[in-house]
Amino acid sequence: MADISAPELDRLWNEFHRVVNMTSDELSTWLRTESAGEESEALPDDAGSENGRHVLAILQKRRMDLTDDDIRVMYKVVDTVEQQRRDDLEPKAGQGHWRHRLMRIGHDPLKPPRV
């Protein structure tokens, strides 16, 4: 695993699970729904963006099974959500495309953060 200390990994794990407020089932369903089109639908394993699928995979892992790539994605997701939401993770409505963009990485702005 990357050169990351145990306390830093603990902090990242907790932050990631704080900002990713969708369950793995909710995220999986969203990725499949978003990938469905009028003419065709992506296979379930190919549904959604690469980052969305990676977040889904991380949600299904134990902390000790994380890879360097998982850690990179976790940092990216935490940074993205915090930039979009700042420190305020209270539920709030926004434009549909903004909400859908965040939902692709497991954060629904209309849901309270996971505790």
Protein backbone atom coordinates (compact mmCIF):
# COMPACT_ATOMS: atom_id res chain seq x y z
CA MET A 1 0.00 0.00 0.00
CA ALA A 2 1.08 3.60 -0.52
CA ASP A 3 3.38 5.31 1.89
CA ILE A 4 0.52 6.38 4.15
CA SER A 5 0.59 6.20 7.92
CA ALA A 6 -2.03 4.25 9.83
CA PRO A 7 -3.49 7.43 11.42
CA GLU A 8 -3.68 9.14 7.99
CA LEU A 9 -5.37 6.07 6.49
CA ASP A 10 -7.86 6.05 9.37
CA ARG A 11 -8.61 9.73 8.78
CA LEU A 12 -9.04 9.20 5.02
CA TRP A 13 -11.26 6.13 5.56
CA ASN A 14 -13.50 8.09 7.94
CA GLU A 15 -13.66 11.18 5.69
CA PHE A 16 -14.43 9.07 2.63
CA HIS A 17 -17.27 7.31 4.40
CA ARG A 18 -18.53 10.65 5.75
CA VAL A 19 -18.81 12.27 2.30
CA VAL A 20 -19.96 9.15 0.45
CA ASN A 21 -23.46 9.16 1.90
CA MET A 22 -24.99 6.71 -0.57
CA THR A 23 -24.98 3.00 0.22
CA SER A 24 -23.37 0.62 -2.22
CA ASP A 25 -26.86 -0.49 -3.31
CA GLU A 26 -27.97 3.12 -3.89
CA LEU A 27 -24.82 3.95 -5.83
CA SER A 28 -25.05 0.78 -7.93
CA THR A 29 -28.68 1.54 -8.77
CA TRP A 30 -27.84 5.16 -9.64
CA LEU A 31 -24.95 4.17 -11.90
CA ARG A 32 -27.16 1.69 -13.77
CA THR A 33 -30.02 4.21 -14.03
CA GLU A 34 -27.77 6.97 -15.30
CA SER A 35 -26.25 4.65 -17.91
CA ALA A 36 -29.63 3.53 -19.25
CA GLY A 37 -30.54 5.16 -22.53
CA GLU A 38 -33.44 5.04 -24.92
CA GLU A 39 -31.65 2.73 -27.33
CA SER A 40 -29.38 0.71 -25.08
CA GLU A 41 -28.25 0.10 -21.55
CA ALA A 42 -24.75 -0.58 -20.27
CA LEU A 43 -24.02 -3.95 -18.73
CA PRO A 44 -24.23 -3.71 -14.93
CA ASP A 45 -20.45 -4.05 -14.50
CA ASP A 46 -19.89 -1.25 -17.05
CA ALA A 47 -22.59 1.12 -15.79
CA GLY A 48 -21.57 4.60 -14.71
CA SER A 49 -18.24 6.36 -14.81
CA GLU A 50 -14.94 4.69 -14.01
CA ASN A 51 -14.71 6.75 -10.81
CA GLY A 52 -18.24 5.77 -9.81
CA ARG A 53 -17.48 2.09 -10.30
CA HIS A 54 -14.26 2.50 -8.33
CA VAL A 55 -16.12 4.18 -5.43
CA LEU A 56 -18.60 1.31 -5.48
CA ALA A 57 -15.73 -1.19 -5.29
CA ILE A 58 -14.17 0.68 -2.36
CA LEU A 59 -17.48 0.65 -0.47
CA GLN A 60 -17.45 -3.12 -0.72
CA LYS A 61 -13.90 -3.47 0.67
CA ARG A 62 -12.38 -3.67 4.08
CA ARG A 63 -9.85 -1.00 5.02
CA MET A 64 -7.01 -3.52 5.07
CA ASP A 65 -7.77 -4.52 1.44
CA LEU A 66 -7.30 -1.03 -0.05
CA THR A 67 -4.86 -0.57 -2.92
CA ASP A 68 -2.80 2.49 -3.81
CA ASP A 69 -5.33 3.26 -6.55
CA ASP A 70 -8.19 3.03 -4.02
CA ILE A 71 -6.42 5.53 -1.78
CA ARG A 72 -5.91 7.91 -4.72
CA VAL A 73 -9.61 7.72 -5.60
CA MET A 74 -10.64 8.19 -1.97
CA TYR A 75 -8.58 11.41 -1.73
CA LYS A 76 -10.07 12.61 -5.02
CA VAL A 77 -13.66 11.92 -3.89
CA VAL A 78 -13.16 13.64 -0.52
CA ASP A 79 -11.57 16.66 -2.22
CA THR A 80 -14.28 16.87 -4.89
CA VAL A 81 -17.17 16.70 -2.42
CA GLU A 82 -15.54 19.17 -0.04
CA GLN A 83 -14.87 21.62 -2.91
CA GLN A 84 -18.47 21.34 -4.10
CA ARG A 85 -20.05 21.35 -0.65
CA ARG A 86 -17.40 23.07 1.45
CA ASP A 87 -17.69 22.10 5.12
CA ASP A 88 -21.48 22.21 5.03
CA LEU A 89 -22.74 18.72 4.30
CA GLU A 90 -26.29 19.46 5.42
CA PRO A 91 -28.88 18.40 2.84
CA LYS A 92 -29.56 21.07 0.25
CA ALA A 93 -31.04 21.25 -3.19
CA GLY A 94 -29.11 22.47 -6.17
CA GLN A 95 -29.30 22.24 -9.90
CA GLY A 96 -30.00 18.74 -11.16
CA HIS A 97 -26.73 18.36 -13.08
CA TRP A 98 -24.74 19.39 -9.97
CA ARG A 99 -26.53 16.80 -7.84
CA HIS A 100 -26.16 14.08 -10.49
CA ARG A 101 -22.45 14.81 -10.93
CA LEU A 102 -21.90 14.33 -7.17
CA MET A 103 -24.10 11.22 -7.11
CA ARG A 104 -21.76 9.63 -9.68
CA ILE A 105 -19.16 9.46 -6.90
CA GLY A 106 -21.54 8.42 -4.13
CA HIS A 107 -22.59 11.77 -2.63
CA ASP A 108 -26.24 12.79 -2.76
CA PRO A 109 -26.55 16.45 -1.66
CA LEU A 110 -30.15 15.83 -0.60
CA LYS A 111 -29.17 13.15 1.94
CA PRO A 112 -27.64 13.77 5.32
CA PRO A 113 -24.02 12.64 5.70
CA ARG A 114 -23.39 9.15 6.98
CA VAL A 115 -22.42 8.97 10.63
